[in-house]
Amino acid sequence: MSEQLPWKVLSSEYITNKYFFRARRDKCETAEGKIIAEYYVVELDETMCALGITDDNMVVMVKQYRHPIGKILLELPGGFAEKNEPPEKAIAREMLEETGYEFKKFELVGEVAANPGVLDNYTKLYLATGGKKVTEQKLDSNEEIKVELIPLDELIEMLLQNKIEQSLHANCIFYSLLKLGTLKVS
């Protein structure tokens, strides 16, 4: 038995419909009959990121400029899956392209909605272990990414001091550290 949704979509119109970015304007009616004339939804394909740990216990991070907030952030590698690409293959491909590192094992540690008030997608969070540098980066034309290797202990301190600004990546680090047993929650 499925639960009835409290809002009914009366109409929907696309404002933009691009490959990785779609935005629409919905007109909705609440269960009480209130009309929401304009509710904006950004549709994104599924994304994924991974905390990648090398054989010598270093974390593979990336630094890149994030135009919407006007800052260079230290982040985890990740991105979008290609059409019909399984998430596990997508994250392995993204890690290799962005960093040049290949990993022996990927474990799903969580799945989160970044901002469900506006965005309709989820991000799969992975822990990748057994990393080795096997090639040079193969970046998209709009990517400028610098690879940084950080000791795991230093990353834990950065997380605990709220120095990981990308919220999805902070979640991935948190769940991965729990999986590894390096972070205990009481």
N, C-alpha and C. Protein backbone atom coordinates (compact mmCIF):
# COMPACT_ATOMS: atom_id res chain seq x y z
N MET A 1 0.85 -1.18 0.00
CA MET A 1 0.00 0.00 0.00
C MET A 1 0.89 1.24 0.00
N SER A 2 0.69 2.15 -0.95
CA SER A 2 1.52 3.34 -1.01
C SER A 2 0.82 4.51 -0.32
N GLU A 3 1.65 5.37 0.25
CA GLU A 3 1.16 6.54 0.95
C GLU A 3 0.78 7.62 -0.06
N GLN A 4 -0.37 8.25 0.14
CA GLN A 4 -0.82 9.34 -0.75
C GLN A 4 0.05 10.56 -0.51
N LEU A 5 0.53 11.16 -1.58
CA LEU A 5 1.35 12.36 -1.46
C LEU A 5 0.46 13.55 -1.11
N PRO A 6 0.96 14.44 -0.23
CA PRO A 6 0.12 15.57 0.20
C PRO A 6 -0.08 16.67 -0.84
N TRP A 7 0.76 16.71 -1.88
CA TRP A 7 0.62 17.72 -2.93
C TRP A 7 0.29 17.04 -4.25
N LYS A 8 -0.55 17.70 -5.03
CA LYS A 8 -0.89 17.24 -6.37
C LYS A 8 -0.32 18.25 -7.37
N VAL A 9 0.38 17.76 -8.38
CA VAL A 9 0.93 18.64 -9.41
C VAL A 9 -0.17 18.92 -10.43
N LEU A 10 -0.52 20.20 -10.57
CA LEU A 10 -1.57 20.62 -11.51
C LEU A 10 -1.01 20.88 -12.90
N SER A 11 0.21 21.45 -12.93
CA SER A 11 0.87 21.68 -14.21
C SER A 11 2.37 21.76 -13.98
N SER A 12 3.12 21.54 -15.03
CA SER A 12 4.57 21.54 -14.94
C SER A 12 5.12 22.07 -16.26
N GLU A 13 6.09 22.98 -16.18
CA GLU A 13 6.69 23.58 -17.38
C GLU A 13 8.20 23.66 -17.19
N TYR A 14 8.95 23.20 -18.20
CA TYR A 14 10.41 23.28 -18.14
C TYR A 14 10.88 24.69 -18.47
N ILE A 15 11.77 25.19 -17.63
CA ILE A 15 12.41 26.49 -17.84
C ILE A 15 13.67 26.27 -18.66
N THR A 16 14.38 25.19 -18.36
CA THR A 16 15.54 24.76 -19.14
C THR A 16 15.60 23.24 -19.08
N ASN A 17 16.11 22.66 -20.16
CA ASN A 17 16.18 21.20 -20.25
C ASN A 17 17.49 20.83 -20.94
N LYS A 18 18.57 20.81 -20.17
CA LYS A 18 19.91 20.51 -20.68
C LYS A 18 20.34 19.11 -20.24
N TYR A 19 21.47 18.66 -20.76
CA TYR A 19 21.96 17.30 -20.50
C TYR A 19 22.04 16.97 -19.01
N PHE A 20 22.79 17.76 -18.23
CA PHE A 20 22.94 17.49 -16.80
C PHE A 20 22.08 18.38 -15.92
N PHE A 21 21.35 19.32 -16.51
CA PHE A 21 20.62 20.31 -15.71
C PHE A 21 19.26 20.60 -16.33
N ARG A 22 18.24 20.31 -15.53
CA ARG A 22 16.89 20.61 -15.97
C ARG A 22 16.19 21.35 -14.83
N ALA A 23 15.42 22.36 -15.15
CA ALA A 23 14.67 23.09 -14.13
C ALA A 23 13.24 23.28 -14.62
N ARG A 24 12.31 23.09 -13.69
CA ARG A 24 10.90 23.22 -14.06
C ARG A 24 10.15 24.05 -13.02
N ARG A 25 9.02 24.58 -13.46
CA ARG A 25 8.12 25.32 -12.60
C ARG A 25 6.84 24.50 -12.49
N ASP A 26 6.50 24.09 -11.29
CA ASP A 26 5.28 23.32 -11.05
C ASP A 26 4.22 24.21 -10.40
N LYS A 27 2.99 23.93 -10.74
CA LYS A 27 1.84 24.51 -10.04
C LYS A 27 1.23 23.35 -9.26
N CYS A 28 1.11 23.51 -7.93
CA CYS A 28 0.67 22.41 -7.08
C CYS A 28 -0.53 22.80 -6.23
N GLU A 29 -1.23 21.77 -5.77
CA GLU A 29 -2.33 21.95 -4.83
C GLU A 29 -2.05 21.07 -3.62
N THR A 30 -2.13 21.68 -2.42
CA THR A 30 -1.90 20.93 -1.19
C THR A 30 -3.14 20.11 -0.85
N ALA A 31 -3.00 19.20 0.11
CA ALA A 31 -4.12 18.36 0.54
C ALA A 31 -5.28 19.21 1.08
N GLU A 32 -4.97 20.39 1.60
CA GLU A 32 -6.00 21.30 2.13
C GLU A 32 -6.62 22.18 1.05
N GLY A 33 -6.15 22.05 -0.20
CA GLY A 33 -6.71 22.83 -1.30
C GLY A 33 -5.99 24.13 -1.60
N LYS A 34 -4.90 24.43 -0.91
CA LYS A 34 -4.13 25.65 -1.17
C LYS A 34 -3.36 25.47 -2.47
N ILE A 35 -3.36 26.49 -3.31
CA ILE A 35 -2.65 26.46 -4.58
C ILE A 35 -1.27 27.09 -4.40
N ILE A 36 -0.24 26.36 -4.78
CA ILE A 36 1.13 26.87 -4.82
C ILE A 36 1.38 27.18 -6.30
N ALA A 37 1.31 28.47 -6.65
CA ALA A 37 1.34 28.87 -8.06
C ALA A 37 2.67 28.58 -8.75
N GLU A 38 3.77 28.76 -8.01
CA GLU A 38 5.10 28.52 -8.60
C GLU A 38 5.99 27.81 -7.59
N TYR A 39 6.32 26.55 -7.89
CA TYR A 39 7.30 25.81 -7.09
C TYR A 39 8.37 25.34 -8.06
N TYR A 40 9.61 25.77 -7.80
CA TYR A 40 10.70 25.47 -8.72
C TYR A 40 11.46 24.22 -8.28
N VAL A 41 11.73 23.35 -9.24
CA VAL A 41 12.44 22.11 -8.99
C VAL A 41 13.60 22.01 -9.98
N VAL A 42 14.80 21.74 -9.47
CA VAL A 42 15.95 21.49 -10.32
C VAL A 42 16.12 19.97 -10.39
N GLU A 43 16.10 19.45 -11.60
CA GLU A 43 16.26 18.01 -11.81
C GLU A 43 17.72 17.73 -12.17
N LEU A 44 18.34 16.87 -11.42
CA LEU A 44 19.72 16.48 -11.69
C LEU A 44 19.80 14.96 -11.76
N ASP A 45 20.69 14.46 -12.59
CA ASP A 45 20.92 13.02 -12.63
C ASP A 45 21.58 12.61 -11.32
N GLU A 46 21.58 11.32 -11.06
CA GLU A 46 22.21 10.80 -9.85
C GLU A 46 23.71 11.12 -9.85
N THR A 47 24.19 11.50 -8.69
CA THR A 47 25.62 11.80 -8.54
C THR A 47 26.22 10.84 -7.52
N MET A 48 27.54 10.83 -7.47
CA MET A 48 28.24 10.00 -6.50
C MET A 48 29.58 10.64 -6.17
N CYS A 49 30.09 10.32 -4.97
CA CYS A 49 31.42 10.74 -4.57
C CYS A 49 32.01 9.62 -3.72
N ALA A 50 33.33 9.68 -3.52
CA ALA A 50 33.98 8.61 -2.75
C ALA A 50 35.15 9.16 -1.94
N LEU A 51 35.25 8.64 -0.72
CA LEU A 51 36.45 8.84 0.07
C LEU A 51 37.42 7.77 -0.40
N GLY A 52 38.45 8.18 -1.12
CA GLY A 52 39.43 7.25 -1.66
C GLY A 52 40.68 7.20 -0.81
N ILE A 53 41.03 6.00 -0.37
CA ILE A 53 42.21 5.83 0.48
C ILE A 53 43.22 4.95 -0.26
N THR A 54 44.45 5.43 -0.32
CA THR A 54 45.52 4.72 -1.02
C THR A 54 46.04 3.58 -0.15
N ASP A 55 46.87 2.74 -0.77
CA ASP A 55 47.50 1.63 -0.05
C ASP A 55 48.34 2.10 1.14
N ASP A 56 48.88 3.33 1.04
CA ASP A 56 49.70 3.85 2.15
C ASP A 56 48.91 4.81 3.05
N ASN A 57 47.59 4.64 3.09
CA ASN A 57 46.69 5.34 4.03
C ASN A 57 46.59 6.84 3.81
N MET A 58 46.75 7.28 2.58
CA MET A 58 46.54 8.69 2.25
C MET A 58 45.17 8.83 1.59
N VAL A 59 44.52 9.96 1.83
CA VAL A 59 43.22 10.22 1.23
C VAL A 59 43.42 11.05 -0.03
N VAL A 60 42.79 10.61 -1.12
CA VAL A 60 42.88 11.32 -2.40
C VAL A 60 41.76 12.35 -2.45
N MET A 61 42.15 13.63 -2.41
CA MET A 61 41.21 14.74 -2.43
C MET A 61 41.47 15.57 -3.69
N VAL A 62 40.54 16.45 -4.01
CA VAL A 62 40.71 17.35 -5.14
C VAL A 62 40.38 18.77 -4.71
N LYS A 63 41.09 19.72 -5.31
CA LYS A 63 40.80 21.14 -5.11
C LYS A 63 40.30 21.67 -6.43
N GLN A 64 39.15 22.37 -6.35
CA GLN A 64 38.64 23.00 -7.57
C GLN A 64 37.77 24.20 -7.24
N TYR A 65 37.72 25.10 -8.19
CA TYR A 65 36.92 26.32 -8.05
C TYR A 65 35.45 25.97 -8.23
N ARG A 66 34.62 26.49 -7.32
CA ARG A 66 33.17 26.29 -7.38
C ARG A 66 32.52 27.65 -7.60
N HIS A 67 32.17 27.91 -8.84
CA HIS A 67 31.68 29.22 -9.25
C HIS A 67 30.44 29.70 -8.48
N PRO A 68 29.42 28.85 -8.22
CA PRO A 68 28.24 29.36 -7.52
C PRO A 68 28.53 30.00 -6.16
N ILE A 69 29.58 29.54 -5.46
CA ILE A 69 29.92 30.16 -4.17
C ILE A 69 31.21 30.98 -4.24
N GLY A 70 31.84 31.02 -5.41
CA GLY A 70 33.03 31.84 -5.61
C GLY A 70 34.23 31.45 -4.76
N LYS A 71 34.43 30.13 -4.57
CA LYS A 71 35.54 29.67 -3.73
C LYS A 71 36.19 28.43 -4.33
N ILE A 72 37.45 28.24 -3.97
CA ILE A 72 38.15 26.98 -4.27
C ILE A 72 37.93 26.08 -3.06
N LEU A 73 37.40 24.89 -3.29
CA LEU A 73 37.11 23.96 -2.21
C LEU A 73 37.97 22.71 -2.30
N LEU A 74 38.28 22.16 -1.13
CA LEU A 74 38.91 20.85 -1.03
C LEU A 74 37.76 19.85 -0.93
N GLU A 75 37.71 18.92 -1.87
CA GLU A 75 36.57 18.02 -1.99
C GLU A 75 37.01 16.59 -2.24
N LEU A 76 36.02 15.71 -2.28
CA LEU A 76 36.23 14.34 -2.71
C LEU A 76 35.99 14.28 -4.21
N PRO A 77 36.63 13.36 -4.91
CA PRO A 77 36.32 13.16 -6.33
C PRO A 77 34.90 12.60 -6.47
N GLY A 78 34.30 12.91 -7.59
CA GLY A 78 32.95 12.40 -7.85
C GLY A 78 32.34 13.05 -9.07
N GLY A 79 31.08 12.75 -9.31
CA GLY A 79 30.40 13.35 -10.44
C GLY A 79 29.13 12.61 -10.80
N PHE A 80 28.73 12.78 -12.04
CA PHE A 80 27.50 12.20 -12.56
C PHE A 80 27.76 10.86 -13.24
N ALA A 81 26.78 9.99 -13.18
CA ALA A 81 26.83 8.76 -13.97
C ALA A 81 26.44 9.09 -15.40
N GLU A 82 27.05 8.41 -16.36
CA GLU A 82 26.64 8.52 -17.76
C GLU A 82 25.32 7.76 -17.92
N LYS A 83 24.63 7.99 -19.03
CA LYS A 83 23.34 7.32 -19.28
C LYS A 83 23.52 5.80 -19.21
N ASN A 84 22.70 5.14 -18.40
CA ASN A 84 22.69 3.69 -18.19
C ASN A 84 23.97 3.13 -17.56
N GLU A 85 24.80 3.98 -16.99
CA GLU A 85 26.03 3.53 -16.34
C GLU A 85 25.74 3.18 -14.88
N PRO A 86 26.07 1.96 -14.44
CA PRO A 86 25.86 1.60 -13.04
C PRO A 86 26.68 2.53 -12.13
N PRO A 87 26.14 2.90 -10.96
CA PRO A 87 26.85 3.82 -10.07
C PRO A 87 28.26 3.37 -9.69
N GLU A 88 28.47 2.07 -9.48
CA GLU A 88 29.80 1.58 -9.09
C GLU A 88 30.82 1.80 -10.21
N LYS A 89 30.39 1.64 -11.45
CA LYS A 89 31.28 1.91 -12.59
C LYS A 89 31.51 3.41 -12.74
N ALA A 90 30.46 4.19 -12.50
CA ALA A 90 30.56 5.65 -12.63
C ALA A 90 31.55 6.23 -11.64
N ILE A 91 31.49 5.80 -10.38
CA ILE A 91 32.41 6.37 -9.39
C ILE A 91 33.84 5.94 -9.67
N ALA A 92 34.04 4.70 -10.11
CA ALA A 92 35.39 4.25 -10.45
C ALA A 92 35.94 5.06 -11.62
N ARG A 93 35.09 5.32 -12.62
CA ARG A 93 35.50 6.12 -13.79
C ARG A 93 35.82 7.55 -13.37
N GLU A 94 34.95 8.16 -12.57
CA GLU A 94 35.17 9.54 -12.13
C GLU A 94 36.47 9.67 -11.32
N MET A 95 36.70 8.71 -10.43
CA MET A 95 37.93 8.75 -9.61
C MET A 95 39.16 8.67 -10.51
N LEU A 96 39.13 7.78 -11.49
CA LEU A 96 40.27 7.62 -12.39
C LEU A 96 40.47 8.88 -13.24
N GLU A 97 39.38 9.42 -13.81
CA GLU A 97 39.49 10.61 -14.66
C GLU A 97 39.99 11.82 -13.88
N GLU A 98 39.42 12.05 -12.69
CA GLU A 98 39.75 13.26 -11.93
C GLU A 98 41.08 13.19 -11.21
N THR A 99 41.53 11.98 -10.86
CA THR A 99 42.73 11.88 -10.02
C THR A 99 43.86 11.05 -10.62
N GLY A 100 43.53 10.14 -11.54
CA GLY A 100 44.53 9.20 -12.04
C GLY A 100 44.71 7.99 -11.14
N TYR A 101 43.89 7.90 -10.08
CA TYR A 101 43.98 6.78 -9.13
C TYR A 101 42.91 5.74 -9.43
N GLU A 102 43.33 4.48 -9.29
CA GLU A 102 42.43 3.34 -9.44
C GLU A 102 42.32 2.67 -8.07
N PHE A 103 41.14 2.18 -7.73
CA PHE A 103 40.90 1.59 -6.42
C PHE A 103 40.44 0.15 -6.56
N LYS A 104 40.87 -0.69 -5.61
CA LYS A 104 40.53 -2.12 -5.66
C LYS A 104 39.10 -2.39 -5.23
N LYS A 105 38.59 -1.59 -4.29
CA LYS A 105 37.28 -1.90 -3.71
C LYS A 105 36.46 -0.63 -3.49
N PHE A 106 35.16 -0.71 -3.82
CA PHE A 106 34.21 0.37 -3.57
C PHE A 106 33.07 -0.18 -2.73
N GLU A 107 32.77 0.49 -1.62
CA GLU A 107 31.66 0.10 -0.77
C GLU A 107 30.70 1.27 -0.64
N LEU A 108 29.42 1.01 -0.90
CA LEU A 108 28.39 2.03 -0.71
C LEU A 108 28.21 2.23 0.79
N VAL A 109 28.37 3.48 1.26
CA VAL A 109 28.22 3.76 2.69
C VAL A 109 27.01 4.63 3.00
N GLY A 110 26.35 5.14 1.97
CA GLY A 110 25.17 5.96 2.21
C GLY A 110 24.62 6.55 0.93
N GLU A 111 23.47 7.16 1.08
CA GLU A 111 22.81 7.85 -0.03
C GLU A 111 22.03 9.01 0.58
N VAL A 112 22.28 10.23 0.10
CA VAL A 112 21.66 11.41 0.70
C VAL A 112 21.10 12.34 -0.36
N ALA A 113 20.09 13.11 0.04
CA ALA A 113 19.51 14.15 -0.81
C ALA A 113 20.14 15.47 -0.37
N ALA A 114 20.78 16.16 -1.30
CA ALA A 114 21.53 17.37 -0.96
C ALA A 114 20.63 18.50 -0.48
N ASN A 115 19.59 18.78 -1.21
CA ASN A 115 18.69 19.88 -0.87
C ASN A 115 17.32 19.56 -1.44
N PRO A 116 16.55 18.68 -0.77
CA PRO A 116 15.29 18.20 -1.33
C PRO A 116 14.19 19.25 -1.42
N GLY A 117 14.44 20.46 -0.94
CA GLY A 117 13.49 21.56 -1.15
C GLY A 117 13.56 22.11 -2.56
N VAL A 118 14.67 21.85 -3.26
CA VAL A 118 14.88 22.38 -4.60
C VAL A 118 15.36 21.29 -5.57
N LEU A 119 16.26 20.42 -5.12
CA LEU A 119 16.86 19.40 -5.98
C LEU A 119 16.11 18.08 -5.87
N ASP A 120 16.01 17.35 -6.99
CA ASP A 120 15.27 16.08 -6.97
C ASP A 120 16.16 14.85 -6.94
N ASN A 121 17.46 15.01 -6.84
CA ASN A 121 18.34 13.85 -6.96
C ASN A 121 18.95 13.41 -5.63
N TYR A 122 19.56 12.25 -5.68
CA TYR A 122 20.31 11.70 -4.55
C TYR A 122 21.77 11.56 -4.96
N THR A 123 22.64 11.53 -3.96
CA THR A 123 24.05 11.27 -4.17
C THR A 123 24.43 10.00 -3.43
N LYS A 124 25.04 9.07 -4.16
CA LYS A 124 25.54 7.84 -3.54
C LYS A 124 26.93 8.12 -2.99
N LEU A 125 27.17 7.66 -1.77
CA LEU A 125 28.43 7.91 -1.06
C LEU A 125 29.20 6.60 -0.96
N TYR A 126 30.47 6.63 -1.37
CA TYR A 126 31.29 5.42 -1.40
C TYR A 126 32.56 5.58 -0.58
N LEU A 127 33.03 4.45 -0.09
CA LEU A 127 34.37 4.33 0.48
C LEU A 127 35.17 3.50 -0.53
N ALA A 128 36.25 4.07 -1.03
CA ALA A 128 37.12 3.38 -2.00
C ALA A 128 38.46 3.11 -1.32
N THR A 129 38.92 1.85 -1.40
CA THR A 129 40.18 1.50 -0.75
C THR A 129 41.11 0.80 -1.74
N GLY A 130 42.39 0.76 -1.36
CA GLY A 130 43.39 0.11 -2.21
C GLY A 130 43.78 0.96 -3.40
N GLY A 131 43.85 2.28 -3.21
CA GLY A 131 44.14 3.19 -4.31
C GLY A 131 45.59 3.23 -4.72
N LYS A 132 45.79 3.31 -6.05
CA LYS A 132 47.13 3.42 -6.65
C LYS A 132 47.05 4.37 -7.83
N LYS A 133 48.05 5.22 -7.96
CA LYS A 133 48.11 6.11 -9.12
C LYS A 133 48.53 5.28 -10.33
N VAL A 134 47.69 5.27 -11.38
CA VAL A 134 47.97 4.45 -12.54
C VAL A 134 48.04 5.24 -13.85
N THR A 135 47.59 6.50 -13.81
CA THR A 135 47.58 7.30 -15.04
C THR A 135 47.50 8.78 -14.68
N GLU A 136 47.57 9.61 -15.69
CA GLU A 136 47.39 11.05 -15.50
C GLU A 136 45.89 11.36 -15.53
N GLN A 137 45.53 12.54 -15.05
CA GLN A 137 44.13 12.97 -15.07
C GLN A 137 43.63 13.07 -16.51
N LYS A 138 42.34 12.82 -16.69
CA LYS A 138 41.67 13.01 -17.98
C LYS A 138 40.43 13.85 -17.71
N LEU A 139 40.63 15.17 -17.65
CA LEU A 139 39.59 16.08 -17.21
C LEU A 139 38.68 16.52 -18.36
N ASP A 140 37.43 16.85 -18.01
CA ASP A 140 36.51 17.45 -18.97
C ASP A 140 37.01 18.85 -19.30
N SER A 141 36.53 19.42 -20.39
CA SER A 141 37.02 20.72 -20.84
C SER A 141 36.76 21.84 -19.83
N ASN A 142 35.74 21.70 -18.99
CA ASN A 142 35.44 22.75 -18.01
C ASN A 142 36.02 22.46 -16.62
N GLU A 143 36.84 21.42 -16.50
CA GLU A 143 37.40 21.07 -15.20
C GLU A 143 38.86 21.52 -15.06
N GLU A 144 39.15 22.10 -13.91
CA GLU A 144 40.52 22.43 -13.50
C GLU A 144 40.65 21.89 -12.09
N ILE A 145 41.24 20.71 -11.97
CA ILE A 145 41.27 19.99 -10.70
C ILE A 145 42.71 19.69 -10.29
N LYS A 146 43.03 20.04 -9.05
CA LYS A 146 44.35 19.73 -8.50
C LYS A 146 44.18 18.60 -7.47
N VAL A 147 44.95 17.54 -7.62
CA VAL A 147 44.89 16.40 -6.70
C VAL A 147 45.74 16.71 -5.47
N GLU A 148 45.19 16.39 -4.30
CA GLU A 148 45.92 16.56 -3.04
C GLU A 148 45.82 15.26 -2.25
N LEU A 149 46.93 14.82 -1.72
CA LEU A 149 46.95 13.65 -0.84
C LEU A 149 47.07 14.14 0.60
N ILE A 150 46.15 13.65 1.44
CA ILE A 150 46.08 14.11 2.83
C ILE A 150 46.10 12.89 3.75
N PRO A 151 46.89 12.94 4.81
CA PRO A 151 46.86 11.83 5.77
C PRO A 151 45.45 11.69 6.36
N LEU A 152 45.02 10.46 6.59
CA LEU A 152 43.68 10.19 7.10
C LEU A 152 43.44 10.91 8.42
N ASP A 153 44.42 10.93 9.32
CA ASP A 153 44.26 11.62 10.61
C ASP A 153 43.99 13.11 10.43
N GLU A 154 44.67 13.72 9.46
CA GLU A 154 44.47 15.14 9.17
C GLU A 154 43.06 15.39 8.65
N LEU A 155 42.56 14.49 7.80
CA LEU A 155 41.20 14.63 7.27
C LEU A 155 40.17 14.53 8.39
N ILE A 156 40.39 13.63 9.34
CA ILE A 156 39.47 13.49 10.47
C ILE A 156 39.41 14.81 11.24
N GLU A 157 40.56 15.42 11.50
CA GLU A 157 40.59 16.71 12.19
C GLU A 157 39.86 17.78 11.40
N MET A 158 40.06 17.80 10.09
CA MET A 158 39.39 18.78 9.23
C MET A 158 37.87 18.60 9.31
N LEU A 159 37.41 17.36 9.30
CA LEU A 159 35.97 17.09 9.40
C LEU A 159 35.43 17.57 10.74
N LEU A 160 36.12 17.23 11.82
CA LEU A 160 35.67 17.60 13.16
C LEU A 160 35.71 19.11 13.40
N GLN A 161 36.57 19.81 12.65
CA GLN A 161 36.67 21.27 12.79
C GLN A 161 35.80 22.00 11.75
N ASN A 162 34.94 21.28 11.06
CA ASN A 162 34.02 21.85 10.07
C ASN A 162 34.77 22.55 8.93
N LYS A 163 35.88 21.96 8.49
CA LYS A 163 36.67 22.55 7.41
C LYS A 163 36.40 21.89 6.06
N ILE A 164 35.49 20.94 6.02
CA ILE A 164 35.04 20.36 4.75
C ILE A 164 33.72 21.05 4.41
N GLU A 165 33.77 21.97 3.47
CA GLU A 165 32.61 22.83 3.21
C GLU A 165 31.55 22.19 2.32
N GLN A 166 31.92 21.21 1.54
CA GLN A 166 30.97 20.56 0.65
C GLN A 166 30.18 19.55 1.47
N SER A 167 28.90 19.82 1.70
CA SER A 167 28.11 19.03 2.66
C SER A 167 27.97 17.56 2.27
N LEU A 168 27.78 17.26 0.99
CA LEU A 168 27.68 15.86 0.56
C LEU A 168 28.98 15.12 0.85
N HIS A 169 30.10 15.79 0.64
CA HIS A 169 31.40 15.18 0.85
C HIS A 169 31.68 15.00 2.34
N ALA A 170 31.23 15.94 3.17
CA ALA A 170 31.37 15.77 4.62
C ALA A 170 30.58 14.55 5.07
N ASN A 171 29.38 14.35 4.51
CA ASN A 171 28.59 13.16 4.83
C ASN A 171 29.32 11.89 4.40
N CYS A 172 29.89 11.91 3.22
CA CYS A 172 30.61 10.74 2.71
C CYS A 172 31.80 10.41 3.61
N ILE A 173 32.54 11.43 4.01
CA ILE A 173 33.69 11.22 4.89
C ILE A 173 33.21 10.64 6.22
N PHE A 174 32.17 11.23 6.78
CA PHE A 174 31.62 10.78 8.06
C PHE A 174 31.21 9.30 8.00
N TYR A 175 30.39 8.94 7.01
CA TYR A 175 29.93 7.56 6.91
C TYR A 175 31.07 6.58 6.60
N SER A 176 32.04 7.03 5.82
CA SER A 176 33.19 6.18 5.51
C SER A 176 34.04 5.93 6.75
N LEU A 177 34.25 6.99 7.55
CA LEU A 177 35.03 6.83 8.79
C LEU A 177 34.32 5.91 9.77
N LEU A 178 32.99 5.99 9.82
CA LEU A 178 32.23 5.05 10.66
C LEU A 178 32.44 3.62 10.17
N LYS A 179 32.38 3.43 8.85
CA LYS A 179 32.57 2.09 8.26
C LYS A 179 33.96 1.56 8.58
N LEU A 180 34.97 2.43 8.53
CA LEU A 180 36.35 2.03 8.82
C LEU A 180 36.59 1.80 10.31
N GLY A 181 35.70 2.33 11.14
CA GLY A 181 35.89 2.20 12.58
C GLY A 181 36.84 3.24 13.16
N THR A 182 37.19 4.27 12.36
CA THR A 182 38.12 5.30 12.83
C THR A 182 37.40 6.45 13.53
N LEU A 183 36.10 6.47 13.44
CA LEU A 183 35.30 7.51 14.09
C LEU A 183 34.21 6.79 14.86
N LYS A 184 34.14 7.05 16.12
CA LYS A 184 33.14 6.42 16.99
C LYS A 184 32.10 7.45 17.39
N VAL A 185 30.85 7.05 17.36
CA VAL A 185 29.76 7.90 17.79
C VAL A 185 29.10 7.22 18.97
N SER A 186 28.99 7.97 20.06
CA SER A 186 28.36 7.35 21.24
C SER A 186 26.96 7.88 21.46
